[in-house]
Amino acid sequence: MIIKQLLAFAAVVMLASQVMSVNGSKFAFYKLSLIWPNSVCKITTCKAPIPTYFTIHGLWPTFDNDIPVPPYDPTSNKCNPNPTSPDDIVGKLAPIKDKLDKKWPNLWVRKTNVDFWKIQWQHHGMCSDYPRDPLDYFKDTLNLAQSNLFDPFK
């Protein structure tokens, strides 16, 4: 039973991952990753209420061979000079916090939404085209996820 649930989850994530080209960047495209919460919450403990729609997992800069850009690290992957620190994004996201809470929630019990956004920023946003502008990174991700162009049911 668990294997079927894992396969269903993997299939949903694969179907929900969409790409968007990037011009003039060292990486080739962004991968928009969406999650079907009911699949995730069948294999792990989630916070209630569980959303009944696709939620955002992340927007990931990706090389043309479909390998994710590694997370920012000042010693091994200084992909952008002086990106905004994950600890500094909370205040910058205040104008869209309500939308993020709804569309980009952390599903797992042990982390808050803010913890999840900080992780996504550190792993993906700091090496994106938005290294010093977390508000635009998260706002543009919300806009992409709400676009009919990226609706996994169409």
N, C-alpha and C. Protein backbone atom coordinates (compact mmCIF):
# COMPACT_ATOMS: atom_id res chain seq x y z
N MET A 1 0.82 -1.20 0.00
CA MET A 1 0.00 0.00 0.00
C MET A 1 0.86 1.26 0.00
N ILE A 2 1.91 1.29 0.82
CA ILE A 2 2.79 2.45 0.90
C ILE A 2 3.45 2.70 -0.45
N ILE A 3 3.87 1.64 -1.14
CA ILE A 3 4.54 1.80 -2.44
C ILE A 3 3.59 2.43 -3.45
N LYS A 4 2.33 2.02 -3.46
CA LYS A 4 1.35 2.63 -4.36
C LYS A 4 1.19 4.11 -4.06
N GLN A 5 1.14 4.45 -2.77
CA GLN A 5 1.01 5.86 -2.38
C GLN A 5 2.23 6.65 -2.80
N LEU A 6 3.43 6.06 -2.61
CA LEU A 6 4.65 6.75 -3.02
C LEU A 6 4.69 6.94 -4.53
N LEU A 7 4.28 5.91 -5.28
CA LEU A 7 4.26 6.02 -6.73
C LEU A 7 3.25 7.07 -7.18
N ALA A 8 2.10 7.10 -6.53
CA ALA A 8 1.09 8.12 -6.86
C ALA A 8 1.63 9.51 -6.57
N PHE A 9 2.30 9.65 -5.43
CA PHE A 9 2.89 10.94 -5.07
C PHE A 9 3.94 11.34 -6.09
N ALA A 10 4.82 10.43 -6.47
CA ALA A 10 5.87 10.72 -7.44
C ALA A 10 5.27 11.12 -8.78
N ALA A 11 4.22 10.42 -9.20
CA ALA A 11 3.59 10.73 -10.47
C ALA A 11 2.97 12.12 -10.44
N VAL A 12 2.35 12.47 -9.34
CA VAL A 12 1.74 13.79 -9.21
C VAL A 12 2.81 14.87 -9.25
N VAL A 13 3.90 14.65 -8.52
CA VAL A 13 4.97 15.64 -8.52
C VAL A 13 5.56 15.79 -9.91
N MET A 14 5.75 14.68 -10.62
CA MET A 14 6.30 14.74 -11.97
C MET A 14 5.34 15.49 -12.90
N LEU A 15 4.07 15.20 -12.81
CA LEU A 15 3.09 15.89 -13.65
C LEU A 15 3.00 17.36 -13.29
N ALA A 16 3.17 17.67 -12.02
CA ALA A 16 3.01 19.05 -11.57
C ALA A 16 4.24 19.90 -11.81
N SER A 17 5.36 19.28 -12.10
CA SER A 17 6.58 20.05 -12.35
C SER A 17 6.55 20.58 -13.78
N GLN A 18 6.59 21.87 -13.91
CA GLN A 18 6.56 22.52 -15.21
C GLN A 18 7.83 23.34 -15.36
N VAL A 19 8.18 23.67 -16.58
CA VAL A 19 9.40 24.42 -16.80
C VAL A 19 9.10 25.75 -17.48
N MET A 20 10.00 26.68 -17.25
CA MET A 20 9.91 27.98 -17.88
C MET A 20 11.31 28.41 -18.26
N SER A 21 11.52 28.85 -19.47
CA SER A 21 12.84 29.24 -19.93
C SER A 21 13.31 30.51 -19.25
N VAL A 22 14.62 30.61 -19.14
CA VAL A 22 15.26 31.79 -18.59
C VAL A 22 16.26 32.28 -19.62
N ASN A 23 16.29 33.57 -19.87
CA ASN A 23 17.23 34.13 -20.83
C ASN A 23 18.40 34.77 -20.09
N GLY A 24 19.61 34.50 -20.57
CA GLY A 24 20.78 35.16 -20.04
C GLY A 24 21.25 34.67 -18.69
N SER A 25 20.83 33.50 -18.25
CA SER A 25 21.25 32.97 -16.96
C SER A 25 22.20 31.80 -17.16
N LYS A 26 22.93 31.47 -16.11
CA LYS A 26 23.85 30.33 -16.18
C LYS A 26 23.10 29.01 -16.11
N PHE A 27 21.89 29.03 -15.63
CA PHE A 27 21.07 27.83 -15.64
C PHE A 27 20.11 27.93 -16.81
N ALA A 28 19.45 26.83 -17.15
CA ALA A 28 18.65 26.79 -18.38
C ALA A 28 17.19 27.17 -18.19
N PHE A 29 16.60 26.76 -17.07
CA PHE A 29 15.17 27.01 -16.88
C PHE A 29 14.82 26.92 -15.41
N TYR A 30 13.61 27.33 -15.11
CA TYR A 30 13.04 27.15 -13.77
C TYR A 30 12.10 25.95 -13.82
N LYS A 31 12.08 25.19 -12.76
CA LYS A 31 11.12 24.11 -12.62
C LYS A 31 10.15 24.51 -11.51
N LEU A 32 8.89 24.60 -11.87
CA LEU A 32 7.85 24.90 -10.90
C LEU A 32 7.35 23.57 -10.34
N SER A 33 7.53 23.37 -9.06
CA SER A 33 7.13 22.11 -8.44
C SER A 33 5.91 22.35 -7.55
N LEU A 34 4.86 21.60 -7.85
CA LEU A 34 3.61 21.67 -7.08
C LEU A 34 3.41 20.35 -6.36
N ILE A 35 2.65 20.40 -5.28
CA ILE A 35 2.39 19.20 -4.48
C ILE A 35 0.87 19.00 -4.37
N TRP A 36 0.46 17.75 -4.45
CA TRP A 36 -0.92 17.38 -4.15
C TRP A 36 -0.91 16.96 -2.67
N PRO A 37 -1.39 17.81 -1.75
CA PRO A 37 -1.26 17.55 -0.31
C PRO A 37 -1.81 16.20 0.15
N ASN A 38 -2.91 15.74 -0.44
CA ASN A 38 -3.48 14.46 0.01
C ASN A 38 -2.51 13.31 -0.19
N SER A 39 -1.71 13.35 -1.25
CA SER A 39 -0.71 12.29 -1.48
C SER A 39 0.40 12.37 -0.45
N VAL A 40 0.89 13.55 -0.21
CA VAL A 40 1.96 13.74 0.78
C VAL A 40 1.49 13.30 2.16
N CYS A 41 0.30 13.68 2.51
CA CYS A 41 -0.20 13.44 3.86
C CYS A 41 -0.63 12.00 4.10
N LYS A 42 -0.63 11.18 3.07
CA LYS A 42 -0.87 9.74 3.26
C LYS A 42 0.39 9.03 3.72
N ILE A 43 1.56 9.65 3.49
CA ILE A 43 2.81 8.99 3.85
C ILE A 43 3.58 9.72 4.96
N THR A 44 3.06 10.84 5.42
CA THR A 44 3.68 11.57 6.52
C THR A 44 2.59 12.30 7.30
N THR A 45 2.92 12.73 8.48
CA THR A 45 1.96 13.45 9.31
C THR A 45 1.95 14.92 8.91
N CYS A 46 0.78 15.41 8.58
CA CYS A 46 0.62 16.80 8.15
C CYS A 46 -0.20 17.59 9.15
N LYS A 47 -0.06 18.92 9.04
CA LYS A 47 -0.86 19.83 9.85
C LYS A 47 -2.27 19.91 9.26
N ALA A 48 -3.25 20.01 10.11
CA ALA A 48 -4.62 20.22 9.65
C ALA A 48 -4.86 21.73 9.58
N PRO A 49 -5.72 22.16 8.70
CA PRO A 49 -6.42 21.40 7.67
C PRO A 49 -5.52 21.15 6.46
N ILE A 50 -5.73 20.02 5.83
CA ILE A 50 -4.95 19.66 4.65
C ILE A 50 -5.60 20.31 3.42
N PRO A 51 -4.84 21.12 2.67
CA PRO A 51 -5.43 21.76 1.49
C PRO A 51 -5.95 20.72 0.49
N THR A 52 -6.99 21.07 -0.23
CA THR A 52 -7.59 20.18 -1.22
C THR A 52 -7.29 20.66 -2.64
N TYR A 53 -6.18 21.33 -2.82
CA TYR A 53 -5.75 21.85 -4.11
C TYR A 53 -4.22 21.74 -4.15
N PHE A 54 -3.64 21.82 -5.36
CA PHE A 54 -2.20 21.79 -5.48
C PHE A 54 -1.61 22.99 -4.75
N THR A 55 -0.53 22.74 -4.00
CA THR A 55 0.19 23.83 -3.35
C THR A 55 1.60 23.89 -3.95
N ILE A 56 2.26 24.99 -3.73
CA ILE A 56 3.61 25.18 -4.26
C ILE A 56 4.62 24.48 -3.37
N HIS A 57 5.52 23.77 -3.99
CA HIS A 57 6.67 23.24 -3.25
C HIS A 57 7.89 24.12 -3.51
N GLY A 58 8.06 24.61 -4.74
CA GLY A 58 9.17 25.50 -5.00
C GLY A 58 9.30 25.88 -6.46
N LEU A 59 10.18 26.83 -6.69
CA LEU A 59 10.58 27.24 -8.03
C LEU A 59 12.08 27.09 -8.07
N TRP A 60 12.55 26.16 -8.91
CA TRP A 60 13.93 25.72 -8.84
C TRP A 60 14.71 26.04 -10.11
N PRO A 61 15.78 26.83 -9.99
CA PRO A 61 16.67 26.99 -11.13
C PRO A 61 17.28 25.63 -11.48
N THR A 62 17.31 25.31 -12.77
CA THR A 62 17.74 23.98 -13.20
C THR A 62 18.63 24.10 -14.43
N PHE A 63 19.71 23.29 -14.45
CA PHE A 63 20.59 23.26 -15.62
C PHE A 63 19.89 22.55 -16.77
N ASP A 64 20.40 22.72 -18.00
CA ASP A 64 19.71 22.16 -19.17
C ASP A 64 19.66 20.64 -19.20
N ASN A 65 20.46 19.97 -18.38
CA ASN A 65 20.39 18.51 -18.30
C ASN A 65 19.43 18.05 -17.20
N ASP A 66 18.57 18.94 -16.75
CA ASP A 66 17.55 18.70 -15.73
C ASP A 66 18.15 18.42 -14.35
N ILE A 67 19.35 18.91 -14.11
CA ILE A 67 19.98 18.78 -12.80
C ILE A 67 19.76 20.10 -12.06
N PRO A 68 19.25 20.03 -10.82
CA PRO A 68 19.00 21.27 -10.07
C PRO A 68 20.30 22.02 -9.78
N VAL A 69 20.20 23.33 -9.79
CA VAL A 69 21.32 24.16 -9.36
C VAL A 69 21.51 23.90 -7.87
N PRO A 70 22.74 23.63 -7.42
CA PRO A 70 22.96 23.37 -5.99
C PRO A 70 22.61 24.58 -5.14
N PRO A 71 22.28 24.35 -3.87
CA PRO A 71 21.96 25.47 -2.97
C PRO A 71 23.14 26.43 -2.83
N TYR A 72 22.82 27.67 -2.55
CA TYR A 72 23.85 28.67 -2.30
C TYR A 72 24.72 28.24 -1.13
N ASP A 73 26.02 28.40 -1.30
CA ASP A 73 26.97 28.15 -0.22
C ASP A 73 28.14 29.09 -0.47
N PRO A 74 28.51 29.92 0.51
CA PRO A 74 29.57 30.91 0.27
C PRO A 74 30.94 30.30 -0.06
N THR A 75 31.13 29.02 0.24
CA THR A 75 32.43 28.41 -0.08
C THR A 75 32.38 27.53 -1.31
N SER A 76 31.29 26.79 -1.52
CA SER A 76 31.27 25.84 -2.64
C SER A 76 30.38 26.25 -3.80
N ASN A 77 29.38 27.10 -3.57
CA ASN A 77 28.50 27.54 -4.66
C ASN A 77 28.06 28.98 -4.41
N LYS A 78 28.96 29.88 -4.65
CA LYS A 78 28.64 31.30 -4.51
C LYS A 78 28.07 31.77 -5.85
N CYS A 79 26.86 31.29 -6.16
CA CYS A 79 26.24 31.51 -7.46
C CYS A 79 25.90 32.97 -7.71
N ASN A 80 25.64 33.73 -6.67
CA ASN A 80 25.35 35.15 -6.77
C ASN A 80 26.08 35.89 -5.66
N PRO A 81 26.64 37.05 -5.95
CA PRO A 81 27.30 37.80 -4.89
C PRO A 81 26.28 38.46 -3.96
N ASN A 82 26.48 38.31 -2.68
CA ASN A 82 25.68 38.97 -1.65
C ASN A 82 24.17 38.78 -1.77
N PRO A 83 23.68 37.55 -1.85
CA PRO A 83 22.23 37.36 -1.88
C PRO A 83 21.63 37.68 -0.51
N THR A 84 20.34 37.95 -0.51
CA THR A 84 19.63 38.20 0.74
C THR A 84 19.63 36.93 1.58
N SER A 85 19.97 37.07 2.83
CA SER A 85 20.02 35.93 3.75
C SER A 85 18.61 35.39 4.01
N PRO A 86 18.47 34.07 4.20
CA PRO A 86 17.15 33.52 4.53
C PRO A 86 16.54 34.16 5.78
N ASP A 87 17.38 34.55 6.73
CA ASP A 87 16.85 35.18 7.95
C ASP A 87 16.28 36.57 7.69
N ASP A 88 16.62 37.17 6.56
CA ASP A 88 16.16 38.52 6.25
C ASP A 88 14.95 38.56 5.33
N ILE A 89 14.39 37.41 4.97
CA ILE A 89 13.28 37.44 4.00
C ILE A 89 11.91 37.65 4.65
N VAL A 90 11.79 37.36 5.92
CA VAL A 90 10.47 37.38 6.57
C VAL A 90 9.79 38.73 6.42
N GLY A 91 10.47 39.79 6.78
CA GLY A 91 9.88 41.13 6.67
C GLY A 91 9.57 41.51 5.24
N LYS A 92 10.44 41.08 4.33
CA LYS A 92 10.25 41.41 2.91
C LYS A 92 9.03 40.71 2.32
N LEU A 93 8.64 39.58 2.91
CA LEU A 93 7.49 38.83 2.39
C LEU A 93 6.17 39.26 3.01
N ALA A 94 6.20 40.19 3.94
CA ALA A 94 4.99 40.62 4.65
C ALA A 94 3.84 41.01 3.70
N PRO A 95 4.10 41.72 2.59
CA PRO A 95 2.98 42.11 1.72
C PRO A 95 2.22 40.94 1.09
N ILE A 96 2.86 39.77 0.99
CA ILE A 96 2.19 38.62 0.35
C ILE A 96 2.04 37.43 1.30
N LYS A 97 2.27 37.65 2.57
CA LYS A 97 2.25 36.55 3.54
C LYS A 97 0.95 35.76 3.50
N ASP A 98 -0.19 36.43 3.43
CA ASP A 98 -1.48 35.72 3.41
C ASP A 98 -1.59 34.80 2.19
N LYS A 99 -1.14 35.27 1.02
CA LYS A 99 -1.18 34.43 -0.18
C LYS A 99 -0.21 33.26 -0.05
N LEU A 100 0.98 33.53 0.51
CA LEU A 100 1.95 32.45 0.71
C LEU A 100 1.40 31.41 1.68
N ASP A 101 0.78 31.85 2.76
CA ASP A 101 0.21 30.91 3.73
C ASP A 101 -0.79 29.97 3.06
N LYS A 102 -1.55 30.50 2.12
CA LYS A 102 -2.57 29.68 1.46
C LYS A 102 -1.98 28.81 0.33
N LYS A 103 -1.17 29.41 -0.54
CA LYS A 103 -0.70 28.72 -1.75
C LYS A 103 0.64 28.01 -1.58
N TRP A 104 1.45 28.41 -0.58
CA TRP A 104 2.79 27.85 -0.41
C TRP A 104 2.99 27.46 1.05
N PRO A 105 2.06 26.65 1.59
CA PRO A 105 2.15 26.30 3.01
C PRO A 105 3.15 25.17 3.25
N ASN A 106 3.67 25.11 4.44
CA ASN A 106 4.42 23.95 4.87
C ASN A 106 3.39 22.93 5.36
N LEU A 107 3.44 21.74 4.84
CA LEU A 107 2.46 20.72 5.22
C LEU A 107 2.88 19.92 6.45
N TRP A 108 4.18 19.82 6.68
CA TRP A 108 4.69 18.96 7.73
C TRP A 108 4.56 19.60 9.11
N VAL A 109 4.33 18.76 10.10
CA VAL A 109 4.04 19.21 11.45
C VAL A 109 5.19 19.97 12.10
N ARG A 110 6.40 19.57 11.86
CA ARG A 110 7.53 20.10 12.63
C ARG A 110 8.10 21.42 12.14
N LYS A 111 7.58 21.97 11.08
CA LYS A 111 8.10 23.23 10.54
C LYS A 111 6.96 24.21 10.32
N THR A 112 7.28 25.49 10.44
CA THR A 112 6.30 26.54 10.15
C THR A 112 6.38 26.89 8.67
N ASN A 113 5.42 27.66 8.21
CA ASN A 113 5.47 28.14 6.83
C ASN A 113 6.75 28.95 6.60
N VAL A 114 7.07 29.82 7.55
CA VAL A 114 8.27 30.66 7.42
C VAL A 114 9.53 29.80 7.34
N ASP A 115 9.61 28.74 8.13
CA ASP A 115 10.76 27.82 8.05
C ASP A 115 10.88 27.25 6.63
N PHE A 116 9.76 26.84 6.07
CA PHE A 116 9.75 26.26 4.73
C PHE A 116 10.18 27.28 3.68
N TRP A 117 9.69 28.52 3.78
CA TRP A 117 10.06 29.55 2.82
C TRP A 117 11.55 29.87 2.91
N LYS A 118 12.08 29.88 4.13
CA LYS A 118 13.52 30.14 4.30
C LYS A 118 14.34 29.03 3.64
N ILE A 119 13.92 27.79 3.80
CA ILE A 119 14.62 26.66 3.17
C ILE A 119 14.55 26.78 1.65
N GLN A 120 13.37 27.07 1.12
CA GLN A 120 13.22 27.21 -0.33
C GLN A 120 14.07 28.37 -0.86
N TRP A 121 14.12 29.46 -0.10
CA TRP A 121 14.94 30.60 -0.51
C TRP A 121 16.42 30.21 -0.52
N GLN A 122 16.88 29.56 0.54
CA GLN A 122 18.29 29.18 0.63
C GLN A 122 18.66 28.17 -0.45
N HIS A 123 17.80 27.19 -0.68
CA HIS A 123 18.12 26.13 -1.63
C HIS A 123 17.92 26.54 -3.08
N HIS A 124 17.03 27.50 -3.34
CA HIS A 124 16.68 27.81 -4.72
C HIS A 124 16.68 29.31 -5.04
N GLY A 125 16.12 30.12 -4.20
CA GLY A 125 15.99 31.55 -4.49
C GLY A 125 17.31 32.29 -4.53
N MET A 126 18.23 31.93 -3.67
CA MET A 126 19.51 32.64 -3.60
C MET A 126 20.35 32.41 -4.85
N CYS A 127 20.09 31.35 -5.60
CA CYS A 127 20.81 31.07 -6.85
C CYS A 127 19.94 31.34 -8.07
N SER A 128 18.85 32.03 -7.89
CA SER A 128 17.94 32.35 -9.00
C SER A 128 18.33 33.71 -9.60
N ASP A 129 17.47 34.21 -10.46
CA ASP A 129 17.64 35.56 -11.02
C ASP A 129 17.25 36.64 -10.01
N TYR A 130 16.83 36.25 -8.82
CA TYR A 130 16.32 37.17 -7.82
C TYR A 130 17.14 37.13 -6.51
N PRO A 131 18.44 37.07 -6.54
CA PRO A 131 19.21 36.80 -5.32
C PRO A 131 19.04 37.84 -4.21
N ARG A 132 18.66 39.06 -4.57
CA ARG A 132 18.49 40.10 -3.56
C ARG A 132 17.04 40.57 -3.47
N ASP A 133 16.15 39.84 -4.12
CA ASP A 133 14.75 40.28 -4.16
C ASP A 133 13.79 39.12 -3.88
N PRO A 134 13.75 38.67 -2.63
CA PRO A 134 12.87 37.54 -2.31
C PRO A 134 11.40 37.83 -2.56
N LEU A 135 10.97 39.08 -2.41
CA LEU A 135 9.56 39.40 -2.64
C LEU A 135 9.19 39.08 -4.08
N ASP A 136 9.99 39.50 -5.05
CA ASP A 136 9.66 39.21 -6.45
C ASP A 136 9.77 37.72 -6.76
N TYR A 137 10.75 37.04 -6.19
CA TYR A 137 10.90 35.58 -6.40
C TYR A 137 9.63 34.86 -5.95
N PHE A 138 9.16 35.15 -4.75
CA PHE A 138 7.98 34.47 -4.23
C PHE A 138 6.71 34.96 -4.93
N LYS A 139 6.63 36.25 -5.24
CA LYS A 139 5.46 36.78 -5.93
C LYS A 139 5.34 36.19 -7.34
N ASP A 140 6.45 36.13 -8.06
CA ASP A 140 6.42 35.55 -9.41
C ASP A 140 6.08 34.07 -9.37
N THR A 141 6.56 33.37 -8.35
CA THR A 141 6.22 31.95 -8.21
C THR A 141 4.72 31.79 -7.97
N LEU A 142 4.15 32.62 -7.11
CA LEU A 142 2.69 32.58 -6.89
C LEU A 142 1.95 32.81 -8.21
N ASN A 143 2.38 33.79 -8.98
CA ASN A 143 1.72 34.10 -10.26
C ASN A 143 1.82 32.93 -11.24
N LEU A 144 2.99 32.30 -11.31
CA LEU A 144 3.14 31.13 -12.19
C LEU A 144 2.21 29.99 -11.77
N ALA A 145 2.18 29.72 -10.48
CA ALA A 145 1.38 28.61 -9.97
C ALA A 145 -0.12 28.85 -10.18
N GLN A 146 -0.53 30.10 -10.24
CA GLN A 146 -1.95 30.41 -10.43
C GLN A 146 -2.34 30.53 -11.89
N SER A 147 -1.35 30.49 -12.78
CA SER A 147 -1.61 30.61 -14.21
C SER A 147 -2.23 29.33 -14.76
N ASN A 148 -3.18 29.47 -15.65
CA ASN A 148 -3.79 28.31 -16.30
C ASN A 148 -2.77 27.54 -17.13
N LEU A 149 -1.72 28.23 -17.56
CA LEU A 149 -0.66 27.61 -18.34
C LEU A 149 0.01 26.45 -17.57
N PHE A 150 0.05 26.57 -16.25
CA PHE A 150 0.73 25.56 -15.42
C PHE A 150 -0.25 24.72 -14.61
N ASP A 151 -1.48 24.66 -15.01
CA ASP A 151 -2.48 23.87 -14.30
C ASP A 151 -2.31 22.40 -14.70
N PRO A 152 -1.91 21.52 -13.75
CA PRO A 152 -1.67 20.12 -14.10
C PRO A 152 -2.91 19.35 -14.56
N PHE A 153 -4.09 19.94 -14.38
CA PHE A 153 -5.32 19.26 -14.82
C PHE A 153 -5.71 19.62 -16.24
N LYS A 154 -4.95 20.51 -16.88
CA LYS A 154 -5.30 20.92 -18.25
C LYS A 154 -4.32 20.38 -19.24
